Amino acid sequence: MQFKNILKVASALFLAAPSLAYFSRDCDELNEKLVANVEKNLHEGEDINDFPPIQECGVTKQGKIDELYLISKRLDEEAVKDTILSNQNIRDLIYFVDDDYYQRELATYSAFPYIISELPKLENLTLKYNHVFLYQGYYPSVEKEIDPSCLSAKNLKSLTLDHIEINDDIINKLSKTSIQTLNVISGDEKEGKWKHDQYYLDLKPLIKKIPNITVDGITLINYDKYTGKCQKLEQILKNNIKKNLRDGETMDEFIPLRSCKLDKKGKISEMNLVSERNDQSTIEKVISQNSSSLTKLTYVIDNDFYQRDPAVYDDFPLNLGKLSKLEELTLKYNNEKFEHGDYFFEEREIDPSLLKNFSNGTLKVLTLDHIKFTDEIFKQITSIKSLEKLVIITGEDKPGESQHDSIVIKFMDNNIRKDYGLKNLEEIIIDNESVNYN
């Protein structure tokens, strides 16, 4: 959810009257009322600065509140219903019930009020719950059961359910709503079992009703949408997966073809390919068969932390360099690790020759997502004369050890245009930040 005209209230300063600049006083007045409500509900020893009721607040040109990020910790039911949800202009709402493990007491009002559905202009809604507890040495993030009527807003288009229990009543309600985008972030059962697999299967029947469904970052695909060579490609990949499944795995867990587009001649021009349970020969064959038509390719090695085993083909195919018409290439590695109490996404070292054959080609956009940036990789990148945009997303070798700063310095200390002849290069982005270069 993208908020515009936002008032962000810092937790340590939210008691002071915030400066609203060109905003109306609506956000300021609402914050003052809620702060007073929080103050009267504090338990002994609690600091009011730890319980900000508003994270973000936005207004219309007329100064009316239409965007609100509300945190229910020490707000009571009356404040939530009467003071907040009486704002009839709210279009975007994030409602967060925070039963944080480290608080002495749970939220004063821990329900999700059904009157959310009565907001007449509500289009984008996020319901978020936070509660972690200790179970046999493990800290599960459990989910919250809600009243399905919370999802009945007439104009609702986008919905995020963050650690909200998905049961039959919720699924039935979702099938009758007008939402077009559903994002689910799953939690655990009280015994610590992650609900991802269950929700992935439970929500699949809704894909024809809700075109955009994502569960824990994985997009559910309507397999009826592909036609022609994309449909045949998908079937080849799915058939190959069957023989490579590990014990306890099911076909529904793996989506090898995340997107596929045809050109006017019916040939595959764009492809998002994920290596999980496909073998090397199948992946290389798929790439080779489309080498003369592919203009955009995303290739992902997914060794996701929650899978039992890494990808069957745990590498980047060398025949990527034979894609003669390729204009956009993304190489991505996904592997989350746990070390010394920290989770981090590590990087993957690749064979630099993967990029060598693009030096005299048509490649315009290159994205390296959690790919180890070595001197040889830098050398190969600076040989791609057609390159217009470079995107680098860094990972970590160990918790807290990122290459970000050294990569930025590498580009800033070199005259890319003059010394390497990259005259077409217009933009370098590293970890979502543009880099100034000569």
Protein backbone atom coordinates (compact mmCIF):
# COMPACT_ATOMS: atom_id res chain seq x y z
CA MET A 1 0.00 0.00 0.00
CA GLN A 2 1.54 3.29 -1.07
CA PHE A 3 0.64 6.22 1.18
CA LYS A 4 0.79 9.77 -0.17
CA ASN A 5 0.80 13.01 1.86
CA ILE A 6 1.95 11.08 4.89
CA LEU A 7 2.41 12.26 8.46
CA LYS A 8 4.82 9.85 10.13
CA VAL A 9 4.75 9.98 13.91
CA ALA A 10 8.08 8.97 15.47
CA SER A 11 7.55 6.77 18.52
CA ALA A 12 9.80 8.86 20.74
CA LEU A 13 8.26 12.17 19.74
CA PHE A 14 4.62 11.52 19.08
CA LEU A 15 3.46 13.41 22.16
CA ALA A 16 4.77 16.65 20.72
CA ALA A 17 2.46 18.50 18.36
CA PRO A 18 3.67 17.32 14.94
CA SER A 19 4.29 19.73 12.11
CA LEU A 20 1.76 19.00 9.38
CA ALA A 21 3.11 21.51 6.85
CA TYR A 22 0.38 21.82 4.22
CA PHE A 23 -1.89 19.19 5.83
CA SER A 24 -5.15 20.09 7.49
CA ARG A 25 -5.37 19.64 11.26
CA ASP A 26 -7.32 16.39 10.93
CA CYS A 27 -4.29 14.12 11.40
CA ASP A 28 -2.94 16.26 14.22
CA GLU A 29 -6.27 16.37 16.04
CA LEU A 30 -6.79 12.63 15.66
CA ASN A 31 -3.32 11.90 17.01
CA GLU A 32 -3.89 14.10 20.08
CA LYS A 33 -7.17 12.31 20.90
CA LEU A 34 -5.59 8.89 20.51
CA VAL A 35 -2.53 9.76 22.58
CA ALA A 36 -4.87 10.79 25.40
CA ASN A 37 -6.70 7.48 25.04
CA VAL A 38 -3.44 5.52 25.13
CA GLU A 39 -2.30 7.37 28.24
CA LYS A 40 -5.30 6.34 30.31
CA ASN A 41 -4.90 2.67 29.31
CA LEU A 42 -1.22 2.26 30.20
CA HIS A 43 -0.27 -0.41 32.71
CA GLU A 44 2.09 0.23 35.57
CA GLY A 45 5.66 0.67 34.41
CA GLU A 46 4.77 1.24 30.75
CA ASP A 47 6.15 4.25 28.87
CA ILE A 48 3.71 6.10 26.65
CA ASN A 49 6.45 6.61 24.06
CA ASP A 50 6.38 2.84 23.40
CA PHE A 51 2.74 2.90 22.30
CA PRO A 52 2.23 5.27 19.33
CA PRO A 53 -1.35 4.87 18.07
CA ILE A 54 -0.68 6.20 14.55
CA GLN A 55 2.21 5.17 12.34
CA GLU A 56 1.13 7.09 9.24
CA CYS A 57 -1.66 9.45 8.33
CA GLY A 58 -2.53 11.08 5.01
CA VAL A 59 -5.15 13.59 3.90
CA THR A 60 -7.02 14.60 0.77
CA LYS A 61 -6.63 17.99 -0.90
CA GLN A 62 -9.56 19.06 1.24
CA GLY A 63 -7.67 18.07 4.39
CA LYS A 64 -9.79 15.00 5.19
CA ILE A 65 -8.10 11.82 6.42
CA ASP A 66 -8.07 9.24 3.65
CA GLU A 67 -4.98 7.16 4.55
CA LEU A 68 -4.33 5.73 7.99
CA TYR A 69 -1.90 3.27 9.58
CA LEU A 70 -3.35 2.51 13.00
CA ILE A 71 -1.66 0.50 15.78
CA SER A 72 -3.86 -1.05 18.45
CA LYS A 73 -1.78 -1.62 21.57
CA ARG A 74 -3.23 0.59 24.26
CA LEU A 75 -6.21 1.97 22.37
CA ASP A 76 -9.57 0.85 23.70
CA GLU A 77 -12.61 -0.25 21.71
CA GLU A 78 -14.41 3.07 22.01
CA ALA A 79 -11.45 5.01 20.58
CA VAL A 80 -11.08 2.61 17.67
CA LYS A 81 -14.71 2.57 16.67
CA ASP A 82 -15.86 6.08 17.46
CA THR A 83 -12.79 8.23 16.96
CA ILE A 84 -10.98 6.46 14.12
CA LEU A 85 -13.32 4.45 11.98
CA SER A 86 -15.87 7.25 11.92
CA ASN A 87 -13.64 8.90 9.27
CA GLN A 88 -15.78 8.20 6.23
CA ASN A 89 -13.12 9.31 3.70
CA ILE A 90 -10.62 6.57 4.50
CA ARG A 91 -9.48 4.93 1.29
CA ASP A 92 -6.32 3.16 2.47
CA LEU A 93 -6.21 1.53 5.91
CA ILE A 94 -3.58 -0.55 7.70
CA TYR A 95 -4.97 -1.88 10.97
CA PHE A 96 -2.33 -3.48 13.17
CA VAL A 97 -3.14 -5.36 16.37
CA ASP A 98 0.15 -5.69 18.23
CA ASP A 99 0.28 -8.30 21.00
CA ASP A 100 4.07 -8.09 21.07
CA TYR A 101 5.73 -10.89 23.05
CA TYR A 102 7.88 -8.38 24.92
CA GLN A 103 4.94 -6.33 26.22
CA ARG A 104 3.79 -7.13 29.74
CA GLU A 105 0.16 -7.20 28.63
CA LEU A 106 -1.66 -7.95 25.38
CA ALA A 107 -3.36 -5.19 23.43
CA THR A 108 -6.14 -3.40 25.32
CA TYR A 109 -8.46 -3.96 22.34
CA SER A 110 -7.20 -6.93 20.35
CA ALA A 111 -10.11 -7.52 17.98
CA PHE A 112 -10.44 -6.45 14.36
CA PRO A 113 -13.68 -4.42 14.32
CA TYR A 114 -16.29 -5.49 11.78
CA ILE A 115 -17.20 -1.84 11.18
CA ILE A 116 -14.11 -1.61 8.97
CA SER A 117 -16.40 -2.99 6.28
CA GLU A 118 -18.71 0.00 6.68
CA LEU A 119 -16.11 2.51 5.45
CA PRO A 120 -17.78 3.57 2.18
CA LYS A 121 -14.62 4.58 0.28
CA LEU A 122 -12.24 1.87 1.49
CA GLU A 123 -10.25 0.40 -1.43
CA ASN A 124 -7.02 -0.90 0.09
CA LEU A 125 -6.98 -2.77 3.40
CA THR A 126 -4.23 -4.45 5.41
CA LEU A 127 -5.06 -6.41 8.55
CA LYS A 128 -1.92 -7.25 10.49
CA TYR A 129 -1.38 -9.20 13.69
CA ASN A 130 1.75 -9.68 15.78
CA HIS A 131 2.06 -12.23 18.55
CA VAL A 132 5.02 -14.49 19.23
CA PHE A 133 5.27 -16.98 22.06
CA LEU A 134 7.68 -19.64 23.25
CA TYR A 135 6.95 -23.27 22.37
CA GLN A 136 9.55 -26.00 23.03
CA GLY A 137 12.46 -23.69 22.35
CA TYR A 138 10.85 -22.23 19.22
CA TYR A 139 9.13 -18.86 18.83
CA PRO A 140 6.12 -19.30 16.52
CA SER A 141 4.43 -16.22 15.08
CA VAL A 142 0.80 -17.20 15.50
CA GLU A 143 -2.24 -15.97 13.62
CA LYS A 144 -5.38 -14.14 14.67
CA GLU A 145 -8.94 -15.22 13.88
CA ILE A 146 -11.12 -12.39 12.57
CA ASP A 147 -14.77 -11.79 11.87
CA PRO A 148 -15.21 -12.43 8.09
CA SER A 149 -17.52 -9.41 7.92
CA CYS A 150 -14.38 -7.24 8.20
CA LEU A 151 -13.83 -8.04 4.51
CA SER A 152 -17.21 -6.87 3.23
CA ALA A 153 -16.36 -3.31 2.20
CA LYS A 154 -18.20 -2.64 -1.07
CA ASN A 155 -15.33 -0.95 -2.93
CA LEU A 156 -12.46 -3.07 -1.63
CA LYS A 157 -9.87 -3.74 -4.37
CA SER A 158 -6.70 -4.80 -2.55
CA LEU A 159 -6.41 -6.86 0.63
CA THR A 160 -3.41 -7.96 2.68
CA LEU A 161 -3.91 -10.49 5.48
CA ASP A 162 -0.75 -10.53 7.58
CA HIS A 163 -0.82 -13.36 10.14
CA ILE A 164 -4.60 -13.59 9.89
CA GLU A 165 -6.12 -17.08 10.03
CA ILE A 166 -7.51 -18.27 6.69
CA ASN A 167 -10.41 -20.61 7.39
CA ASP A 168 -13.44 -21.79 5.42
CA ASP A 169 -15.48 -18.75 6.43
CA ILE A 170 -12.76 -16.36 5.25
CA ILE A 171 -12.37 -18.20 1.93
CA ASN A 172 -16.12 -18.14 1.40
CA LYS A 173 -16.19 -14.40 2.10
CA LEU A 174 -13.25 -13.75 -0.24
CA SER A 175 -15.06 -15.57 -3.05
CA LYS A 176 -17.88 -13.04 -2.81
CA THR A 177 -15.84 -9.84 -2.60
CA SER A 178 -14.79 -7.47 -5.37
CA ILE A 179 -11.08 -7.55 -4.51
CA GLN A 180 -8.61 -7.96 -7.37
CA THR A 181 -5.40 -8.37 -5.34
CA LEU A 182 -4.92 -10.62 -2.32
CA ASN A 183 -1.65 -10.84 -0.41
CA VAL A 184 -1.36 -13.40 2.40
CA ILE A 185 1.51 -13.53 4.89
CA SER A 186 1.12 -16.74 6.84
CA GLY A 187 2.04 -17.58 10.40
CA ASP A 188 2.25 -20.69 12.55
CA GLU A 189 -0.03 -22.94 14.45
CA LYS A 190 0.48 -22.94 18.22
CA GLU A 191 2.58 -26.08 17.79
CA GLY A 192 4.94 -24.20 15.51
CA LYS A 193 3.86 -25.66 12.14
CA TRP A 194 4.03 -23.10 9.34
CA LYS A 195 0.73 -22.67 7.47
CA HIS A 196 2.19 -21.74 4.10
CA ASP A 197 1.54 -25.06 2.31
CA GLN A 198 -2.02 -25.29 3.62
CA TYR A 199 -2.88 -21.76 2.48
CA TYR A 200 -1.24 -22.22 -0.89
CA LEU A 201 -3.59 -25.13 -1.59
CA ASP A 202 -6.67 -23.58 0.05
CA LEU A 203 -6.47 -20.35 -1.96
CA LYS A 204 -5.78 -21.87 -5.37
CA PRO A 205 -9.51 -22.31 -6.17
CA LEU A 206 -9.94 -18.52 -5.84
CA ILE A 207 -7.49 -17.67 -8.62
CA LYS A 208 -10.24 -17.42 -11.26
CA LYS A 209 -12.17 -15.02 -9.02
CA ILE A 210 -9.20 -13.00 -7.73
CA PRO A 211 -6.60 -12.57 -10.51
CA ASN A 212 -3.67 -11.59 -8.27
CA ILE A 213 -3.05 -13.84 -5.26
CA THR A 214 0.28 -14.04 -3.45
CA VAL A 215 1.11 -16.31 -0.52
CA ASP A 216 4.36 -15.51 1.29
CA GLY A 217 5.80 -13.90 -1.80
CA ILE A 218 4.78 -16.73 -4.15
CA THR A 219 2.25 -15.77 -6.79
CA LEU A 220 -0.49 -18.27 -7.51
CA ILE A 221 -0.73 -18.94 -11.22
CA ASN A 222 -3.89 -19.55 -13.21
CA TYR A 223 -2.56 -22.32 -15.39
CA ASP A 224 -5.39 -21.85 -17.86
CA LYS A 225 -4.01 -18.47 -18.90
CA TYR A 226 -1.11 -19.72 -21.03
CA THR A 227 -1.60 -20.50 -24.70
CA GLY A 228 0.50 -21.75 -27.60
CA LYS A 229 4.19 -22.32 -26.94
CA CYS A 230 3.93 -20.94 -23.39
CA GLN A 231 1.38 -23.62 -22.56
CA LYS A 232 3.60 -26.34 -24.04
CA LEU A 233 6.64 -25.00 -22.21
CA GLU A 234 4.79 -25.03 -18.92
CA GLN A 235 3.74 -28.64 -19.43
CA ILE A 236 7.32 -29.71 -20.23
CA LEU A 237 8.56 -28.16 -17.02
CA LYS A 238 5.74 -29.57 -14.89
CA ASN A 239 6.23 -33.08 -16.30
CA ASN A 240 9.94 -32.87 -15.51
CA ILE A 241 9.21 -31.84 -11.92
CA LYS A 242 7.20 -35.00 -11.27
CA LYS A 243 10.24 -37.28 -11.45
CA ASN A 244 12.40 -34.96 -9.33
CA LEU A 245 10.15 -34.50 -6.30
CA ARG A 246 11.63 -35.37 -2.91
CA ASP A 247 9.79 -37.37 -0.25
CA GLY A 248 6.79 -35.48 1.09
CA GLU A 249 6.77 -32.86 -1.71
CA THR A 250 3.82 -32.22 -4.01
CA MET A 251 3.53 -30.70 -7.47
CA ASP A 252 1.54 -27.77 -6.14
CA GLU A 253 4.54 -26.50 -4.19
CA PHE A 254 6.53 -25.59 -7.31
CA ILE A 255 5.88 -23.04 -10.04
CA PRO A 256 8.69 -23.34 -12.61
CA LEU A 257 7.24 -20.78 -15.04
CA ARG A 258 6.23 -17.60 -13.23
CA SER A 259 5.43 -15.67 -16.39
CA CYS A 260 5.56 -16.20 -20.15
CA LYS A 261 4.67 -13.96 -23.09
CA LEU A 262 4.44 -14.53 -26.83
CA ASP A 263 5.40 -12.15 -29.61
CA LYS A 264 3.23 -11.42 -32.65
CA LYS A 265 4.58 -14.51 -34.40
CA GLY A 266 3.60 -16.78 -31.53
CA LYS A 267 7.16 -17.28 -30.30
CA ILE A 268 8.19 -16.93 -26.66
CA SER A 269 9.64 -13.45 -26.10
CA GLU A 270 9.58 -13.16 -22.31
CA MET A 271 10.06 -15.77 -19.62
CA ASN A 272 10.46 -15.94 -15.83
CA LEU A 273 12.00 -19.33 -15.10
CA VAL A 274 12.56 -20.71 -11.58
CA SER A 275 14.95 -23.59 -10.94
CA GLU A 276 13.65 -25.70 -8.06
CA ARG A 277 12.82 -29.23 -9.18
CA ASN A 278 13.72 -29.12 -12.89
CA ASP A 279 16.95 -30.82 -13.94
CA GLN A 280 19.82 -29.35 -15.94
CA SER A 281 19.03 -30.95 -19.29
CA THR A 282 15.42 -29.72 -19.25
CA ILE A 283 16.36 -26.16 -18.30
CA GLU A 284 19.11 -25.93 -20.90
CA LYS A 285 16.79 -27.38 -23.54
CA VAL A 286 14.08 -24.83 -22.75
CA ILE A 287 16.54 -21.96 -23.07
CA SER A 288 18.11 -23.32 -26.24
CA GLN A 289 14.76 -23.82 -27.97
CA ASN A 290 13.89 -20.15 -27.45
CA SER A 291 17.34 -18.64 -28.05
CA SER A 292 16.31 -16.80 -31.21
CA SER A 293 13.16 -15.15 -29.82
CA LEU A 294 13.73 -14.33 -26.13
CA THR A 295 14.13 -10.62 -25.43
CA LYS A 296 13.51 -10.70 -21.67
CA LEU A 297 14.52 -13.44 -19.22
CA THR A 298 14.44 -13.78 -15.45
CA TYR A 299 16.24 -16.85 -14.18
CA VAL A 300 15.98 -17.74 -10.48
CA ILE A 301 17.72 -20.41 -8.45
CA ASP A 302 15.41 -20.95 -5.50
CA ASN A 303 17.03 -22.73 -2.55
CA ASP A 304 14.38 -21.38 -0.21
CA PHE A 305 15.09 -21.88 3.49
CA TYR A 306 11.73 -23.63 3.95
CA GLN A 307 12.35 -26.30 1.31
CA ARG A 308 13.81 -29.57 2.48
CA ASP A 309 16.48 -29.59 -0.19
CA PRO A 310 18.09 -27.12 -2.63
CA ALA A 311 17.25 -26.95 -6.32
CA VAL A 312 17.83 -30.06 -8.41
CA TYR A 313 19.86 -27.94 -10.85
CA ASP A 314 21.63 -25.61 -8.48
CA ASP A 315 23.42 -23.43 -11.04
CA PHE A 316 22.99 -20.88 -13.83
CA PRO A 317 23.03 -22.49 -17.33
CA LEU A 318 25.99 -21.42 -19.47
CA ASN A 319 23.90 -21.38 -22.64
CA LEU A 320 22.27 -18.12 -21.45
CA GLY A 321 24.98 -16.43 -23.49
CA LYS A 322 23.49 -17.85 -26.69
CA LEU A 323 20.34 -15.72 -26.39
CA SER A 324 21.16 -13.50 -29.35
CA LYS A 325 18.21 -11.09 -29.06
CA LEU A 326 18.11 -10.72 -25.29
CA GLU A 327 17.55 -7.14 -24.11
CA GLU A 328 16.75 -7.67 -20.40
CA LEU A 329 18.32 -10.27 -18.13
CA THR A 330 17.79 -10.90 -14.40
CA LEU A 331 19.86 -13.46 -12.53
CA LYS A 332 18.53 -14.11 -9.03
CA TYR A 333 19.55 -16.36 -6.17
CA ASN A 334 17.23 -17.05 -3.23
CA ASN A 335 18.61 -18.72 -0.15
CA GLU A 336 17.94 -17.58 3.39
CA LYS A 337 20.31 -18.88 6.04
CA PHE A 338 20.33 -18.97 9.84
CA GLU A 339 23.56 -18.32 11.70
CA HIS A 340 24.26 -17.27 15.29
CA GLY A 341 20.66 -16.22 15.88
CA ASP A 342 20.32 -14.20 12.65
CA TYR A 343 18.59 -14.82 9.35
CA PHE A 344 20.24 -13.44 6.23
CA PHE A 345 20.09 -13.86 2.46
CA GLU A 346 23.40 -15.06 1.13
CA GLU A 347 24.90 -14.44 -2.30
CA ARG A 348 25.83 -16.87 -5.05
CA GLU A 349 29.06 -16.76 -7.01
CA ILE A 350 28.56 -17.33 -10.73
CA ASP A 351 30.80 -18.15 -13.68
CA PRO A 352 31.72 -14.73 -15.18
CA SER A 353 31.63 -16.23 -18.67
CA LEU A 354 27.81 -16.13 -18.36
CA LEU A 355 28.08 -12.42 -19.20
CA LYS A 356 30.96 -12.60 -21.64
CA ASN A 357 28.89 -13.30 -24.73
CA PHE A 358 26.72 -10.21 -24.16
CA SER A 359 29.64 -7.84 -24.79
CA ASN A 360 28.70 -7.33 -28.43
CA GLY A 361 25.02 -8.13 -28.16
CA THR A 362 21.75 -6.29 -27.54
CA LEU A 363 21.54 -6.46 -23.73
CA LYS A 364 20.19 -3.19 -22.33
CA VAL A 365 19.12 -4.03 -18.77
CA LEU A 366 21.01 -6.32 -16.39
CA THR A 367 19.87 -7.18 -12.86
CA LEU A 368 22.06 -9.19 -10.49
CA ASP A 369 19.97 -10.14 -7.47
CA HIS A 370 22.05 -11.67 -4.64
CA ILE A 371 24.85 -12.50 -7.06
CA LYS A 372 28.38 -12.14 -5.65
CA PHE A 373 30.03 -9.08 -7.19
CA THR A 374 33.63 -10.02 -7.97
CA ASP A 375 36.34 -8.15 -9.90
CA GLU A 376 35.77 -10.49 -12.83
CA ILE A 377 32.04 -9.79 -12.81
CA PHE A 378 32.81 -6.05 -12.85
CA LYS A 379 35.11 -6.63 -15.81
CA GLN A 380 32.45 -8.49 -17.75
CA ILE A 381 29.75 -5.90 -16.99
CA THR A 382 31.96 -3.05 -18.23
CA SER A 383 32.43 -4.89 -21.52
CA ILE A 384 28.69 -4.84 -22.36
CA LYS A 385 28.63 -1.79 -24.65
CA SER A 386 24.86 -1.91 -25.20
CA LEU A 387 24.06 -1.71 -21.47
CA GLU A 388 21.68 1.10 -20.48
CA LYS A 389 20.70 0.12 -16.93
CA LEU A 390 22.40 -1.94 -14.22
CA VAL A 391 20.60 -3.09 -11.05
CA ILE A 392 22.44 -4.81 -8.21
CA ILE A 393 20.75 -6.25 -5.11
CA THR A 394 23.28 -7.34 -2.52
CA GLY A 395 23.16 -10.08 0.06
CA GLU A 396 25.50 -11.04 2.87
CA ASP A 397 28.40 -13.44 3.33
CA LYS A 398 27.62 -13.49 7.04
CA PRO A 399 25.07 -11.56 9.10
CA GLY A 400 25.87 -7.87 8.74
CA GLU A 401 28.61 -8.37 6.11
CA SER A 402 27.27 -6.81 2.92
CA GLN A 403 29.24 -5.79 -0.18
CA HIS A 404 27.02 -2.75 -0.69
CA ASP A 405 29.54 -0.03 0.19
CA SER A 406 32.44 -1.60 -1.69
CA ILE A 407 30.34 -1.98 -4.85
CA VAL A 408 29.22 1.65 -4.71
CA ILE A 409 32.84 2.77 -4.33
CA LYS A 410 33.86 0.53 -7.23
CA PHE A 411 31.58 2.37 -9.62
CA MET A 412 32.21 5.83 -8.21
CA ASP A 413 35.99 5.41 -8.44
CA ASN A 414 35.89 4.45 -12.12
CA ASN A 415 34.98 6.55 -15.12
CA ILE A 416 32.57 4.04 -16.60
CA ARG A 417 31.70 6.06 -19.69
CA LYS A 418 35.22 7.21 -20.58
CA ASP A 419 37.48 4.35 -19.47
CA TYR A 420 35.14 1.50 -20.41
CA GLY A 421 33.16 3.03 -23.25
CA LEU A 422 29.72 2.43 -21.74
CA LYS A 423 28.25 5.48 -23.47
CA ASN A 424 24.71 4.07 -23.40
CA LEU A 425 24.66 3.51 -19.63
CA GLU A 426 22.04 5.79 -18.09
CA GLU A 427 21.46 4.37 -14.60
CA ILE A 428 23.10 2.25 -11.92
CA ILE A 429 20.93 1.20 -8.98
CA ILE A 430 22.39 -0.62 -5.97
CA ASP A 431 19.97 -1.79 -3.28
CA ASN A 432 17.26 0.61 -4.52
CA GLU A 433 19.59 3.62 -4.50
CA SER A 434 20.86 5.40 -7.62
CA VAL A 435 24.63 5.67 -7.78
CA ASN A 436 26.41 8.72 -9.11
CA TYR A 437 29.16 7.70 -11.53
CA ASN A 438 31.41 9.44 -14.01
